[in-house]
Amino acid sequence: MENAGMEISLPPDLMKYIDDKVRAGQFGSAAELIHGAIAAMRDQEELTAEDIAALREEVGVGLAQLDRGEGAEWDVEEPSSRVRAAQT
């Protein structure tokens, strides 16, 4: 399928948000961010009640593990650093 263009207008606060994310290296371009956002929205809309129940069950398992002291320390910045390093 051929890529079709679409022109959209965004309010200044959303334009700044997108620019900030691209400048921070989280996305390669504004188009990449928009593609990701729309794909995430589509995926969210496609979740069934069973999917949500399964996710809640998995979260419950994780919370129970944390309650038992089975959690692991992690650095919130480390995954972002790894992504940025892979992009260079």
C-alpha atoms as a PDB file:
ATOM      1  CA  MET A   1       0.000   0.000   0.000  1.00  0.00           C
ATOM      2  CA  GLU A   2       1.316   3.386  -0.943  1.00  0.00           C
ATOM      3  CA  ASN A   3       1.846   6.012   1.773  1.00  0.00           C
ATOM      4  CA  ALA A   4      -0.730   8.757   1.540  1.00  0.00           C
ATOM      5  CA  GLY A   5      -0.074  12.174   3.011  1.00  0.00           C
ATOM      6  CA  MET A   6      -2.285  13.960   5.473  1.00  0.00           C
ATOM      7  CA  GLU A   7      -1.908  17.436   6.812  1.00  0.00           C
ATOM      8  CA  ILE A   8      -3.137  18.150  10.328  1.00  0.00           C
ATOM      9  CA  SER A   9      -3.191  21.221  12.536  1.00  0.00           C
ATOM     10  CA  LEU A  10      -2.230  20.958  16.190  1.00  0.00           C
ATOM     11  CA  PRO A  11      -2.469  23.461  19.021  1.00  0.00           C
ATOM     12  CA  PRO A  12       0.854  24.933  20.180  1.00  0.00           C
ATOM     13  CA  ASP A  13       1.005  22.827  23.364  1.00  0.00           C
ATOM     14  CA  LEU A  14       0.815  19.571  21.382  1.00  0.00           C
ATOM     15  CA  MET A  15       3.350  20.818  18.840  1.00  0.00           C
ATOM     16  CA  LYS A  16       5.743  21.627  21.693  1.00  0.00           C
ATOM     17  CA  TYR A  17       5.145  18.209  23.263  1.00  0.00           C
ATOM     18  CA  ILE A  18       5.973  16.462  19.987  1.00  0.00           C
ATOM     19  CA  ASP A  19       9.037  18.646  19.365  1.00  0.00           C
ATOM     20  CA  ASP A  20      10.299  17.973  22.900  1.00  0.00           C
ATOM     21  CA  LYS A  21       9.948  14.195  22.461  1.00  0.00           C
ATOM     22  CA  VAL A  22      11.763  14.253  19.106  1.00  0.00           C
ATOM     23  CA  ARG A  23      14.550  16.507  20.446  1.00  0.00           C
ATOM     24  CA  ALA A  24      14.967  14.214  23.462  1.00  0.00           C
ATOM     25  CA  GLY A  25      15.582  11.330  21.068  1.00  0.00           C
ATOM     26  CA  GLN A  26      12.503   9.383  22.079  1.00  0.00           C
ATOM     27  CA  PHE A  27      11.261   9.459  18.481  1.00  0.00           C
ATOM     28  CA  GLY A  28      13.066   9.918  15.196  1.00  0.00           C
ATOM     29  CA  SER A  29      10.450  12.302  13.831  1.00  0.00           C
ATOM     30  CA  ALA A  30       7.050  13.810  14.508  1.00  0.00           C
ATOM     31  CA  ALA A  31       5.562  11.295  12.075  1.00  0.00           C
ATOM     32  CA  GLU A  32       7.081   8.410  14.053  1.00  0.00           C
ATOM     33  CA  LEU A  33       5.509   9.729  17.263  1.00  0.00           C
ATOM     34  CA  ILE A  34       2.099  10.144  15.607  1.00  0.00           C
ATOM     35  CA  HIS A  35       2.290   6.632  14.113  1.00  0.00           C
ATOM     36  CA  GLY A  36       3.120   5.209  17.541  1.00  0.00           C
ATOM     37  CA  ALA A  37       0.348   7.144  19.256  1.00  0.00           C
ATOM     38  CA  ILE A  38      -2.275   6.005  16.758  1.00  0.00           C
ATOM     39  CA  ALA A  39      -1.071   2.389  16.910  1.00  0.00           C
ATOM     40  CA  ALA A  40      -1.272   2.477  20.728  1.00  0.00           C
ATOM     41  CA  MET A  41      -4.767   3.942  20.583  1.00  0.00           C
ATOM     42  CA  ARG A  42      -5.853   1.258  18.118  1.00  0.00           C
ATOM     43  CA  ASP A  43      -4.339  -1.486  20.293  1.00  0.00           C
ATOM     44  CA  GLN A  44      -6.084  -0.117  23.367  1.00  0.00           C
ATOM     45  CA  GLU A  45      -9.422  -0.062  21.568  1.00  0.00           C
ATOM     46  CA  GLU A  46      -8.938  -3.683  20.514  1.00  0.00           C
ATOM     47  CA  LEU A  47      -8.480  -5.011  24.066  1.00  0.00           C
ATOM     48  CA  THR A  48     -11.266  -7.393  25.001  1.00  0.00           C
ATOM     49  CA  ALA A  49     -12.732  -7.886  28.459  1.00  0.00           C
ATOM     50  CA  GLU A  50     -10.748 -11.127  28.623  1.00  0.00           C
ATOM     51  CA  ASP A  51      -7.524  -9.280  27.762  1.00  0.00           C
ATOM     52  CA  ILE A  52      -8.151  -6.761  30.526  1.00  0.00           C
ATOM     53  CA  ALA A  53      -8.981  -9.519  33.031  1.00  0.00           C
ATOM     54  CA  ALA A  54      -5.745 -11.348  32.130  1.00  0.00           C
ATOM     55  CA  LEU A  55      -3.715  -8.165  32.535  1.00  0.00           C
ATOM     56  CA  ARG A  56      -5.317  -7.496  35.925  1.00  0.00           C
ATOM     57  CA  GLU A  57      -4.477 -11.034  36.997  1.00  0.00           C
ATOM     58  CA  GLU A  58      -0.840 -10.577  35.936  1.00  0.00           C
ATOM     59  CA  VAL A  59      -0.648  -7.283  37.814  1.00  0.00           C
ATOM     60  CA  GLY A  60      -2.079  -9.032  40.871  1.00  0.00           C
ATOM     61  CA  VAL A  61       0.639 -11.698  40.647  1.00  0.00           C
ATOM     62  CA  GLY A  62       3.302  -8.981  40.451  1.00  0.00           C
ATOM     63  CA  LEU A  63       1.866  -7.088  43.405  1.00  0.00           C
ATOM     64  CA  ALA A  64       1.770 -10.290  45.456  1.00  0.00           C
ATOM     65  CA  GLN A  65       5.435 -10.907  44.593  1.00  0.00           C
ATOM     66  CA  LEU A  66       6.313  -7.398  45.733  1.00  0.00           C
ATOM     67  CA  ASP A  67       4.380  -7.936  48.966  1.00  0.00           C
ATOM     68  CA  ARG A  68       6.518 -11.041  49.564  1.00  0.00           C
ATOM     69  CA  GLY A  69       9.695  -9.019  49.017  1.00  0.00           C
ATOM     70  CA  GLU A  70      10.466 -10.605  45.652  1.00  0.00           C
ATOM     71  CA  GLY A  71      10.941  -7.303  43.825  1.00  0.00           C
ATOM     72  CA  ALA A  72      14.190  -6.241  42.207  1.00  0.00           C
ATOM     73  CA  GLU A  73      15.847  -2.824  42.312  1.00  0.00           C
ATOM     74  CA  TRP A  74      16.011  -0.994  38.997  1.00  0.00           C
ATOM     75  CA  ASP A  75      17.011   2.383  37.674  1.00  0.00           C
ATOM     76  CA  VAL A  76      14.184   4.217  35.954  1.00  0.00           C
ATOM     77  CA  GLU A  77      16.672   5.906  33.595  1.00  0.00           C
ATOM     78  CA  GLU A  78      18.439   2.697  32.509  1.00  0.00           C
ATOM     79  CA  PRO A  79      15.908   1.529  29.873  1.00  0.00           C
ATOM     80  CA  SER A  80      15.828   5.000  28.301  1.00  0.00           C
ATOM     81  CA  SER A  81      19.630   5.092  28.233  1.00  0.00           C
ATOM     82  CA  ARG A  82      19.712   1.724  26.494  1.00  0.00           C
ATOM     83  CA  VAL A  83      17.226   2.887  23.842  1.00  0.00           C
ATOM     84  CA  ARG A  84      19.169   6.095  23.209  1.00  0.00           C
ATOM     85  CA  ALA A  85      22.424   4.130  22.917  1.00  0.00           C
ATOM     86  CA  ALA A  86      20.852   1.730  20.418  1.00  0.00           C
ATOM     87  CA  GLN A  87      19.672   4.649  18.286  1.00  0.00           C
ATOM     88  CA  THR A  88      23.188   6.052  17.875  1.00  0.00           C
END
